[in-house]
Amino acid sequence: MEIREKAFAKLNLSLDVTGKRPDGYHEVCMVMQSVTLYDDVTIRLTDDGRFSARTNRHFIPGDDRNEAVKAAKVFAAAHDLGGKGVFADIRKRTPVRAGLGGGSSDAAAVLRGLNTLMGRPFDGKQLEELAAQVGSDVAFCVSGGTQLATGRGELLTSLPDFGRHWVVICKPYFSIATPALFKKIDARKSKCRPDTDGILAALSAGDDMGVVRRMYNVFEDVLGDKSRGISEIKTALMDRGALGACMTGTGSAVFGIFPDEQSAKDACLALRRRHQDVFWAETCGRIEI
């Protein structure tokens, strides 16, 4: 038995870190948005009882270090698979270590796929609770769309759809170490924060430009020597017609929101002259569980 799922990438329309928790995680407040850049994930029940994954990226492990494998084991612990194993075959398109939630989305796709194969024993909320055991962003990726994420990222509130927008995503040649950024956040003196309330009000009013004008990621304040590279991409996106641009997650991918398909495609082609990982996509709504 097998099923195919699309694992959609995510963007942070805003990202705030509000404190450190006793468990070592950080308190965050994020407005998150799914886009149509996706990995193809085939989930197969096997007779050997093993849990493993395979991808088209040689450097991604196929064992318990892979979030897709972790997700399969979490599902199996919550619902009897009848002695079956799980194999996830993942065709990656979403860049890794980019702040786009690629691994988290793959894990969420495995949870959705197993839930369908097993006759849907869990509803959407229950799947999100299982997802939170795998990783902080996995819960959002179960249903995606436009949501507010708080806590360590697992506490979700559905928001009005951001609507259909064209997006250009560019990952520079470098990646950014997430733990190092969190240490810098803890030590930072600047306390500039996203206007999250303003974004929520704009979404409720259907004021898309009000959302775009308020896009902000606190990690951009602590990038150090990577700041110039991120700023150059943001400037390139804005110069080519983006209504707004922002880094997603802890980076290093940067995205711009464009007013129409043609301007997004033109910008994508222009940035590909200097960067290898450049994609155009659309924002997309929630997945029904």
C-alpha atoms as a PDB file:
ATOM      1  CA  MET A   1       0.000   0.000   0.000  1.00  0.00           C
ATOM      2  CA  GLU A   2       1.298   3.440  -0.858  1.00  0.00           C
ATOM      3  CA  ILE A   3       0.145   7.038  -1.212  1.00  0.00           C
ATOM      4  CA  ARG A   4       1.676  10.225  -2.608  1.00  0.00           C
ATOM      5  CA  GLU A   5       1.607  13.564  -0.805  1.00  0.00           C
ATOM      6  CA  LYS A   6       2.853  17.031  -1.674  1.00  0.00           C
ATOM      7  CA  ALA A   7       5.020  18.591   1.023  1.00  0.00           C
ATOM      8  CA  PHE A   8       4.571  22.353   0.623  1.00  0.00           C
ATOM      9  CA  ALA A   9       7.268  24.809   1.705  1.00  0.00           C
ATOM     10  CA  LYS A  10       6.493  27.546   4.211  1.00  0.00           C
ATOM     11  CA  LEU A  11       7.366  31.206   4.532  1.00  0.00           C
ATOM     12  CA  ASN A  12       7.481  33.408   7.603  1.00  0.00           C
ATOM     13  CA  LEU A  13       5.554  36.580   6.859  1.00  0.00           C
ATOM     14  CA  SER A  14       6.754  37.597  10.302  1.00  0.00           C
ATOM     15  CA  LEU A  15       8.961  36.018  12.934  1.00  0.00           C
ATOM     16  CA  ASP A  16       9.451  37.207  16.492  1.00  0.00           C
ATOM     17  CA  VAL A  17      11.348  35.584  19.373  1.00  0.00           C
ATOM     18  CA  THR A  18       9.841  36.711  22.670  1.00  0.00           C
ATOM     19  CA  GLY A  19      11.860  34.787  25.246  1.00  0.00           C
ATOM     20  CA  LYS A  20      13.570  31.579  26.301  1.00  0.00           C
ATOM     21  CA  ARG A  21      11.658  28.735  27.907  1.00  0.00           C
ATOM     22  CA  PRO A  22      12.714  26.590  30.876  1.00  0.00           C
ATOM     23  CA  ASP A  23      12.896  23.565  28.534  1.00  0.00           C
ATOM     24  CA  GLY A  24      15.587  25.243  26.444  1.00  0.00           C
ATOM     25  CA  TYR A  25      13.333  26.150  23.523  1.00  0.00           C
ATOM     26  CA  HIS A  26      12.441  29.725  22.635  1.00  0.00           C
ATOM     27  CA  GLU A  27       9.027  31.365  22.685  1.00  0.00           C
ATOM     28  CA  VAL A  28       8.161  32.519  19.179  1.00  0.00           C
ATOM     29  CA  CYS A  29       5.355  34.387  17.496  1.00  0.00           C
ATOM     30  CA  MET A  30       5.134  33.818  13.732  1.00  0.00           C
ATOM     31  CA  VAL A  31       2.702  34.426  10.910  1.00  0.00           C
ATOM     32  CA  MET A  32       3.320  31.508   8.570  1.00  0.00           C
ATOM     33  CA  GLN A  33       2.244  30.931   4.980  1.00  0.00           C
ATOM     34  CA  SER A  34       2.345  27.910   2.655  1.00  0.00           C
ATOM     35  CA  VAL A  35       3.530  28.202  -0.945  1.00  0.00           C
ATOM     36  CA  THR A  36       3.342  25.885  -3.949  1.00  0.00           C
ATOM     37  CA  LEU A  37       7.043  24.988  -3.944  1.00  0.00           C
ATOM     38  CA  TYR A  38       6.875  21.375  -2.804  1.00  0.00           C
ATOM     39  CA  ASP A  39       8.603  18.012  -2.409  1.00  0.00           C
ATOM     40  CA  ASP A  40       6.923  14.830  -3.689  1.00  0.00           C
ATOM     41  CA  VAL A  41       6.642  12.265  -0.898  1.00  0.00           C
ATOM     42  CA  THR A  42       5.576   8.661  -1.527  1.00  0.00           C
ATOM     43  CA  ILE A  43       4.691   6.797   1.661  1.00  0.00           C
ATOM     44  CA  ARG A  44       4.695   3.003   1.476  1.00  0.00           C
ATOM     45  CA  LEU A  45       3.741   0.387   4.065  1.00  0.00           C
ATOM     46  CA  THR A  46       6.260  -2.453   3.982  1.00  0.00           C
ATOM     47  CA  ASP A  47       6.351  -6.019   5.276  1.00  0.00           C
ATOM     48  CA  ASP A  48       9.830  -5.809   6.795  1.00  0.00           C
ATOM     49  CA  GLY A  49       8.827  -3.724   9.807  1.00  0.00           C
ATOM     50  CA  ARG A  50      11.595  -1.180   9.149  1.00  0.00           C
ATOM     51  CA  PHE A  51      11.315   2.611   9.078  1.00  0.00           C
ATOM     52  CA  SER A  52      13.460   4.399   6.509  1.00  0.00           C
ATOM     53  CA  ALA A  53      13.542   7.113   3.857  1.00  0.00           C
ATOM     54  CA  ARG A  54      15.301   7.840   0.587  1.00  0.00           C
ATOM     55  CA  THR A  55      15.788  11.182  -1.137  1.00  0.00           C
ATOM     56  CA  ASN A  56      17.344  12.499  -4.320  1.00  0.00           C
ATOM     57  CA  ARG A  57      19.867  14.455  -2.207  1.00  0.00           C
ATOM     58  CA  HIS A  58      22.766  12.162  -1.287  1.00  0.00           C
ATOM     59  CA  PHE A  59      23.663  14.087   1.873  1.00  0.00           C
ATOM     60  CA  ILE A  60      20.242  13.661   3.534  1.00  0.00           C
ATOM     61  CA  PRO A  61      20.198  10.640   5.865  1.00  0.00           C
ATOM     62  CA  GLY A  62      17.523   7.972   5.497  1.00  0.00           C
ATOM     63  CA  ASP A  63      17.488   6.832   9.126  1.00  0.00           C
ATOM     64  CA  ASP A  64      16.167   8.288  12.390  1.00  0.00           C
ATOM     65  CA  ARG A  65      17.968  11.565  11.708  1.00  0.00           C
ATOM     66  CA  ASN A  66      15.424  12.233   8.958  1.00  0.00           C
ATOM     67  CA  GLU A  67      12.272  13.953  10.220  1.00  0.00           C
ATOM     68  CA  ALA A  68      10.135  11.880   7.845  1.00  0.00           C
ATOM     69  CA  VAL A  69      11.339   8.705   9.585  1.00  0.00           C
ATOM     70  CA  LYS A  70      10.759  10.282  13.006  1.00  0.00           C
ATOM     71  CA  ALA A  71       7.211  11.152  11.932  1.00  0.00           C
ATOM     72  CA  ALA A  72       6.505   7.590  10.820  1.00  0.00           C
ATOM     73  CA  LYS A  73       7.681   6.255  14.181  1.00  0.00           C
ATOM     74  CA  VAL A  74       5.599   8.787  16.104  1.00  0.00           C
ATOM     75  CA  PHE A  75       2.533   7.760  14.097  1.00  0.00           C
ATOM     76  CA  ALA A  76       3.249   4.053  14.676  1.00  0.00           C
ATOM     77  CA  ALA A  77       3.545   4.659  18.422  1.00  0.00           C
ATOM     78  CA  ALA A  78       0.101   6.284  18.418  1.00  0.00           C
ATOM     79  CA  HIS A  79      -1.651   3.861  16.051  1.00  0.00           C
ATOM     80  CA  ASP A  80      -0.920   0.185  15.422  1.00  0.00           C
ATOM     81  CA  LEU A  81       0.381  -0.438  11.922  1.00  0.00           C
ATOM     82  CA  GLY A  82      -0.146  -4.169  12.244  1.00  0.00           C
ATOM     83  CA  GLY A  83       3.556  -4.959  12.209  1.00  0.00           C
ATOM     84  CA  LYS A  84       4.143  -3.018   8.994  1.00  0.00           C
ATOM     85  CA  GLY A  85       7.135  -0.797   8.392  1.00  0.00           C
ATOM     86  CA  VAL A  86       7.186   2.534   6.581  1.00  0.00           C
ATOM     87  CA  PHE A  87       9.329   3.668   3.666  1.00  0.00           C
ATOM     88  CA  ALA A  88       9.245   7.301   2.499  1.00  0.00           C
ATOM     89  CA  ASP A  89      10.578   8.097  -0.966  1.00  0.00           C
ATOM     90  CA  ILE A  90      11.148  11.857  -1.108  1.00  0.00           C
ATOM     91  CA  ARG A  91      11.850  13.839  -4.259  1.00  0.00           C
ATOM     92  CA  LYS A  92      13.263  17.097  -2.939  1.00  0.00           C
ATOM     93  CA  ARG A  93      12.748  20.434  -4.661  1.00  0.00           C
ATOM     94  CA  THR A  94      12.732  22.674  -1.599  1.00  0.00           C
ATOM     95  CA  PRO A  95      16.282  23.701  -0.624  1.00  0.00           C
ATOM     96  CA  VAL A  96      17.542  22.362   2.698  1.00  0.00           C
ATOM     97  CA  ARG A  97      18.812  24.547   5.570  1.00  0.00           C
ATOM     98  CA  ALA A  98      16.980  27.482   4.043  1.00  0.00           C
ATOM     99  CA  GLY A  99      14.228  28.360   6.535  1.00  0.00           C
ATOM    100  CA  LEU A 100      11.594  26.959   4.176  1.00  0.00           C
ATOM    101  CA  GLY A 101      10.548  24.048   6.391  1.00  0.00           C
ATOM    102  CA  GLY A 102      11.420  21.381   3.835  1.00  0.00           C
ATOM    103  CA  GLY A 103      12.193  18.609   6.324  1.00  0.00           C
ATOM    104  CA  SER A 104       9.244  19.587   8.513  1.00  0.00           C
ATOM    105  CA  SER A 105       6.905  19.543   5.535  1.00  0.00           C
ATOM    106  CA  ASP A 106       8.170  16.106   4.477  1.00  0.00           C
ATOM    107  CA  ALA A 107       7.449  14.832   7.991  1.00  0.00           C
ATOM    108  CA  ALA A 108       3.953  16.340   7.919  1.00  0.00           C
ATOM    109  CA  ALA A 109       3.320  14.683   4.544  1.00  0.00           C
ATOM    110  CA  VAL A 110       4.251  11.311   6.053  1.00  0.00           C
ATOM    111  CA  LEU A 111       1.771  11.858   8.892  1.00  0.00           C
ATOM    112  CA  ARG A 112      -1.009  12.815   6.458  1.00  0.00           C
ATOM    113  CA  GLY A 113      -0.234   9.881   4.197  1.00  0.00           C
ATOM    114  CA  LEU A 114      -0.165   7.319   6.988  1.00  0.00           C
ATOM    115  CA  ASN A 115      -3.370   8.750   8.390  1.00  0.00           C
ATOM    116  CA  THR A 116      -5.086   8.188   5.034  1.00  0.00           C
ATOM    117  CA  LEU A 117      -3.617   4.701   4.552  1.00  0.00           C
ATOM    118  CA  MET A 118      -4.851   3.668   8.001  1.00  0.00           C
ATOM    119  CA  GLY A 119      -8.396   4.921   7.468  1.00  0.00           C
ATOM    120  CA  ARG A 120      -8.009   8.387   9.067  1.00  0.00           C
ATOM    121  CA  PRO A 121      -7.879   7.468  12.769  1.00  0.00           C
ATOM    122  CA  PHE A 122      -6.821  11.050  13.625  1.00  0.00           C
ATOM    123  CA  ASP A 123      -8.425  14.397  12.851  1.00  0.00           C
ATOM    124  CA  GLY A 124      -6.399  17.455  11.912  1.00  0.00           C
ATOM    125  CA  LYS A 125      -5.892  18.662  15.481  1.00  0.00           C
ATOM    126  CA  GLN A 126      -4.721  15.231  16.619  1.00  0.00           C
ATOM    127  CA  LEU A 127      -2.271  15.026  13.701  1.00  0.00           C
ATOM    128  CA  GLU A 128      -0.868  18.416  14.706  1.00  0.00           C
ATOM    129  CA  GLU A 129      -0.334  17.109  18.242  1.00  0.00           C
ATOM    130  CA  LEU A 130       1.583  14.136  16.853  1.00  0.00           C
ATOM    131  CA  ALA A 131       3.517  16.474  14.576  1.00  0.00           C
ATOM    132  CA  ALA A 132       4.634  18.591  17.538  1.00  0.00           C
ATOM    133  CA  GLN A 133       6.472  15.521  18.872  1.00  0.00           C
ATOM    134  CA  VAL A 134       8.572  15.472  15.696  1.00  0.00           C
ATOM    135  CA  GLY A 135       9.538  19.139  15.390  1.00  0.00           C
ATOM    136  CA  SER A 136       8.333  22.666  16.048  1.00  0.00           C
ATOM    137  CA  ASP A 137       7.384  23.554  12.445  1.00  0.00           C
ATOM    138  CA  VAL A 138       5.884  20.152  11.618  1.00  0.00           C
ATOM    139  CA  ALA A 139       2.553  20.994  13.264  1.00  0.00           C
ATOM    140  CA  PHE A 140       2.031  23.983  10.952  1.00  0.00           C
ATOM    141  CA  CYS A 141       2.964  21.941   7.889  1.00  0.00           C
ATOM    142  CA  VAL A 142       0.222  19.369   8.560  1.00  0.00           C
ATOM    143  CA  SER A 143      -2.461  21.747   7.258  1.00  0.00           C
ATOM    144  CA  GLY A 144      -0.496  24.846   6.246  1.00  0.00           C
ATOM    145  CA  GLY A 145      -2.277  27.831   4.743  1.00  0.00           C
ATOM    146  CA  THR A 146      -2.072  31.053   6.751  1.00  0.00           C
ATOM    147  CA  GLN A 147      -1.640  30.548  10.499  1.00  0.00           C
ATOM    148  CA  LEU A 148      -0.291  32.188  13.627  1.00  0.00           C
ATOM    149  CA  ALA A 149       2.226  29.979  15.429  1.00  0.00           C
ATOM    150  CA  THR A 150       3.174  30.605  19.058  1.00  0.00           C
ATOM    151  CA  GLY A 151       4.755  28.641  21.914  1.00  0.00           C
ATOM    152  CA  ARG A 152       7.770  26.959  20.357  1.00  0.00           C
ATOM    153  CA  GLY A 153       5.854  27.017  17.063  1.00  0.00           C
ATOM    154  CA  GLU A 154       3.374  24.218  17.775  1.00  0.00           C
ATOM    155  CA  LEU A 155       0.449  26.322  19.065  1.00  0.00           C
ATOM    156  CA  LEU A 156      -1.540  27.249  15.984  1.00  0.00           C
ATOM    157  CA  THR A 157      -4.368  29.676  15.249  1.00  0.00           C
ATOM    158  CA  SER A 158      -5.996  29.683  11.819  1.00  0.00           C
ATOM    159  CA  LEU A 159      -6.016  33.095  10.136  1.00  0.00           C
ATOM    160  CA  PRO A 160      -7.908  34.532   7.164  1.00  0.00           C
ATOM    161  CA  ASP A 161      -6.221  33.499   3.926  1.00  0.00           C
ATOM    162  CA  PHE A 162      -3.496  35.832   2.745  1.00  0.00           C
ATOM    163  CA  GLY A 163      -4.895  35.322  -0.735  1.00  0.00           C
ATOM    164  CA  ARG A 164      -3.200  34.382  -3.982  1.00  0.00           C
ATOM    165  CA  HIS A 165       0.158  36.059  -4.490  1.00  0.00           C
ATOM    166  CA  TRP A 166       3.168  35.362  -6.635  1.00  0.00           C
ATOM    167  CA  VAL A 167       6.381  34.757  -4.738  1.00  0.00           C
ATOM    168  CA  VAL A 168      10.043  34.544  -5.745  1.00  0.00           C
ATOM    169  CA  ILE A 169      12.268  32.599  -3.357  1.00  0.00           C
ATOM    170  CA  CYS A 170      16.061  32.833  -3.491  1.00  0.00           C
ATOM    171  CA  LYS A 171      18.502  30.838  -1.372  1.00  0.00           C
ATOM    172  CA  PRO A 172      22.075  32.172  -1.505  1.00  0.00           C
ATOM    173  CA  TYR A 173      25.076  29.849  -1.724  1.00  0.00           C
ATOM    174  CA  PHE A 174      25.520  29.919   2.051  1.00  0.00           C
ATOM    175  CA  SER A 175      23.415  28.478   4.861  1.00  0.00           C
ATOM    176  CA  ILE A 176      23.013  29.884   8.357  1.00  0.00           C
ATOM    177  CA  ALA A 177      23.531  27.961  11.600  1.00  0.00           C
ATOM    178  CA  THR A 178      20.265  28.127  13.551  1.00  0.00           C
ATOM    179  CA  PRO A 179      21.712  27.560  17.069  1.00  0.00           C
ATOM    180  CA  ALA A 180      24.200  30.409  16.589  1.00  0.00           C
ATOM    181  CA  LEU A 181      21.418  32.799  15.591  1.00  0.00           C
ATOM    182  CA  PHE A 182      19.374  31.940  18.662  1.00  0.00           C
ATOM    183  CA  LYS A 183      22.401  32.686  20.866  1.00  0.00           C
ATOM    184  CA  LYS A 184      22.724  36.072  19.181  1.00  0.00           C
ATOM    185  CA  ILE A 185      19.019  36.720  19.674  1.00  0.00           C
ATOM    186  CA  ASP A 186      19.410  36.021  23.391  1.00  0.00           C
ATOM    187  CA  ALA A 187      22.265  38.534  23.600  1.00  0.00           C
ATOM    188  CA  ARG A 188      20.916  41.252  21.301  1.00  0.00           C
ATOM    189  CA  LYS A 189      20.346  44.794  22.544  1.00  0.00           C
ATOM    190  CA  SER A 190      17.961  45.941  19.804  1.00  0.00           C
ATOM    191  CA  LYS A 191      14.366  45.054  20.552  1.00  0.00           C
ATOM    192  CA  CYS A 192      12.724  45.853  17.222  1.00  0.00           C
ATOM    193  CA  ARG A 193       9.789  43.507  16.737  1.00  0.00           C
ATOM    194  CA  PRO A 194       7.292  42.693  14.008  1.00  0.00           C
ATOM    195  CA  ASP A 195       3.923  44.434  14.174  1.00  0.00           C
ATOM    196  CA  THR A 196       2.115  41.122  14.582  1.00  0.00           C
ATOM    197  CA  ASP A 197      -1.138  42.753  15.703  1.00  0.00           C
ATOM    198  CA  GLY A 198      -1.028  44.951  12.612  1.00  0.00           C
ATOM    199  CA  ILE A 199      -0.543  41.934  10.365  1.00  0.00           C
ATOM    200  CA  LEU A 200      -3.469  40.127  11.981  1.00  0.00           C
ATOM    201  CA  ALA A 201      -5.678  43.201  11.574  1.00  0.00           C
ATOM    202  CA  ALA A 202      -4.623  43.544   7.925  1.00  0.00           C
ATOM    203  CA  LEU A 203      -5.416  39.889   7.242  1.00  0.00           C
ATOM    204  CA  SER A 204      -8.857  40.283   8.852  1.00  0.00           C
ATOM    205  CA  ALA A 205      -9.523  43.361   6.705  1.00  0.00           C
ATOM    206  CA  GLY A 206      -8.293  41.705   3.496  1.00  0.00           C
ATOM    207  CA  ASP A 207      -5.574  44.367   3.306  1.00  0.00           C
ATOM    208  CA  ASP A 208      -2.824  42.392   1.603  1.00  0.00           C
ATOM    209  CA  MET A 209      -0.515  45.382   1.209  1.00  0.00           C
ATOM    210  CA  GLY A 210      -0.911  46.032   4.919  1.00  0.00           C
ATOM    211  CA  VAL A 211       0.505  42.543   5.495  1.00  0.00           C
ATOM    212  CA  VAL A 212       3.359  43.000   3.016  1.00  0.00           C
ATOM    213  CA  ARG A 213       4.390  46.372   4.481  1.00  0.00           C
ATOM    214  CA  ARG A 214       4.718  44.773   7.931  1.00  0.00           C
ATOM    215  CA  MET A 215       6.755  41.684   6.969  1.00  0.00           C
ATOM    216  CA  TYR A 216       9.684  41.445   9.378  1.00  0.00           C
ATOM    217  CA  ASN A 217      12.022  38.782  10.752  1.00  0.00           C
ATOM    218  CA  VAL A 218      13.988  39.487  13.940  1.00  0.00           C
ATOM    219  CA  PHE A 219      16.779  37.146  12.849  1.00  0.00           C
ATOM    220  CA  GLU A 220      17.753  39.632  10.155  1.00  0.00           C
ATOM    221  CA  ASP A 221      19.029  41.845  12.989  1.00  0.00           C
ATOM    222  CA  VAL A 222      21.664  39.319  14.107  1.00  0.00           C
ATOM    223  CA  LEU A 223      23.051  37.892  10.863  1.00  0.00           C
ATOM    224  CA  GLY A 224      26.570  39.233  11.296  1.00  0.00           C
ATOM    225  CA  ASP A 225      28.742  38.630   8.224  1.00  0.00           C
ATOM    226  CA  LYS A 226      25.781  37.082   6.359  1.00  0.00           C
ATOM    227  CA  SER A 227      23.787  40.327   6.553  1.00  0.00           C
ATOM    228  CA  ARG A 228      25.225  41.779   3.355  1.00  0.00           C
ATOM    229  CA  GLY A 229      24.303  38.735   1.259  1.00  0.00           C
ATOM    230  CA  ILE A 230      20.723  38.720   2.558  1.00  0.00           C
ATOM    231  CA  SER A 231      20.365  42.480   2.019  1.00  0.00           C
ATOM    232  CA  GLU A 232      21.634  42.200  -1.551  1.00  0.00           C
ATOM    233  CA  ILE A 233      18.968  39.629  -2.406  1.00  0.00           C
ATOM    234  CA  LYS A 234      16.232  41.708  -0.785  1.00  0.00           C
ATOM    235  CA  THR A 235      17.364  44.742  -2.765  1.00  0.00           C
ATOM    236  CA  ALA A 236      17.469  42.741  -6.001  1.00  0.00           C
ATOM    237  CA  LEU A 237      13.906  41.530  -5.422  1.00  0.00           C
ATOM    238  CA  MET A 238      12.639  45.030  -4.654  1.00  0.00           C
ATOM    239  CA  ASP A 239      14.449  46.517  -7.656  1.00  0.00           C
ATOM    240  CA  ARG A 240      12.651  44.001  -9.860  1.00  0.00           C
ATOM    241  CA  GLY A 241       9.184  44.858  -8.658  1.00  0.00           C
ATOM    242  CA  ALA A 242       8.622  43.057  -5.347  1.00  0.00           C
ATOM    243  CA  LEU A 243       6.048  44.728  -3.110  1.00  0.00           C
ATOM    244  CA  GLY A 244       8.049  43.565  -0.088  1.00  0.00           C
ATOM    245  CA  ALA A 245      10.874  41.160   0.750  1.00  0.00           C
ATOM    246  CA  CYS A 246      11.929  39.272   3.877  1.00  0.00           C
ATOM    247  CA  MET A 247      14.119  36.406   5.059  1.00  0.00           C
ATOM    248  CA  THR A 248      12.189  33.283   6.087  1.00  0.00           C
ATOM    249  CA  GLY A 249      12.871  31.317   9.259  1.00  0.00           C
ATOM    250  CA  THR A 250      16.503  31.429  10.317  1.00  0.00           C
ATOM    251  CA  GLY A 251      17.441  31.699   6.647  1.00  0.00           C
ATOM    252  CA  SER A 252      19.151  31.759   4.441  1.00  0.00           C
ATOM    253  CA  ALA A 253      16.320  31.899   1.879  1.00  0.00           C
ATOM    254  CA  VAL A 254      14.782  35.269   1.087  1.00  0.00           C
ATOM    255  CA  PHE A 255      11.417  35.802  -0.592  1.00  0.00           C
ATOM    256  CA  GLY A 256       9.645  38.651  -2.330  1.00  0.00           C
ATOM    257  CA  ILE A 257       5.897  39.136  -2.869  1.00  0.00           C
ATOM    258  CA  PHE A 258       5.088  40.262  -6.433  1.00  0.00           C
ATOM    259  CA  PRO A 259       1.991  41.928  -7.883  1.00  0.00           C
ATOM    260  CA  ASP A 260       1.584  39.548 -10.835  1.00  0.00           C
ATOM    261  CA  GLU A 261       2.866  36.369 -12.449  1.00  0.00           C
ATOM    262  CA  GLN A 262       4.928  38.017 -15.170  1.00  0.00           C
ATOM    263  CA  SER A 263       6.889  40.284 -12.852  1.00  0.00           C
ATOM    264  CA  ALA A 264       7.610  37.315 -10.578  1.00  0.00           C
ATOM    265  CA  LYS A 265       8.877  35.199 -13.468  1.00  0.00           C
ATOM    266  CA  ASP A 266      11.010  38.065 -14.804  1.00  0.00           C
ATOM    267  CA  ALA A 267      12.564  38.584 -11.386  1.00  0.00           C
ATOM    268  CA  CYS A 268      13.174  34.851 -11.041  1.00  0.00           C
ATOM    269  CA  LEU A 269      15.054  34.745 -14.338  1.00  0.00           C
ATOM    270  CA  ALA A 270      17.109  37.793 -13.381  1.00  0.00           C
ATOM    271  CA  LEU A 271      18.161  36.381 -10.002  1.00  0.00           C
ATOM    272  CA  ARG A 272      19.088  33.045 -11.564  1.00  0.00           C
ATOM    273  CA  ARG A 273      21.969  34.807 -13.299  1.00  0.00           C
ATOM    274  CA  ARG A 274      23.688  35.067  -9.918  1.00  0.00           C
ATOM    275  CA  HIS A 275      22.053  32.411  -7.731  1.00  0.00           C
ATOM    276  CA  GLN A 276      21.454  28.711  -8.300  1.00  0.00           C
ATOM    277  CA  ASP A 277      18.427  28.150  -6.048  1.00  0.00           C
ATOM    278  CA  VAL A 278      15.736  30.556  -7.248  1.00  0.00           C
ATOM    279  CA  PHE A 279      12.066  29.595  -7.542  1.00  0.00           C
ATOM    280  CA  TRP A 280       8.762  31.228  -8.284  1.00  0.00           C
ATOM    281  CA  ALA A 281       5.637  29.961  -6.593  1.00  0.00           C
ATOM    282  CA  GLU A 282       2.211  31.010  -5.349  1.00  0.00           C
ATOM    283  CA  THR A 283       0.811  31.271  -1.874  1.00  0.00           C
ATOM    284  CA  CYS A 284      -1.695  28.499  -1.154  1.00  0.00           C
ATOM    285  CA  GLY A 285      -4.458  27.660   1.327  1.00  0.00           C
ATOM    286  CA  ARG A 286      -4.989  25.007   3.958  1.00  0.00           C
ATOM    287  CA  ILE A 287      -4.943  21.269   3.314  1.00  0.00           C
ATOM    288  CA  GLU A 288      -8.151  19.603   4.446  1.00  0.00           C
ATOM    289  CA  ILE A 289      -7.489  16.610   6.676  1.00  0.00           C
END
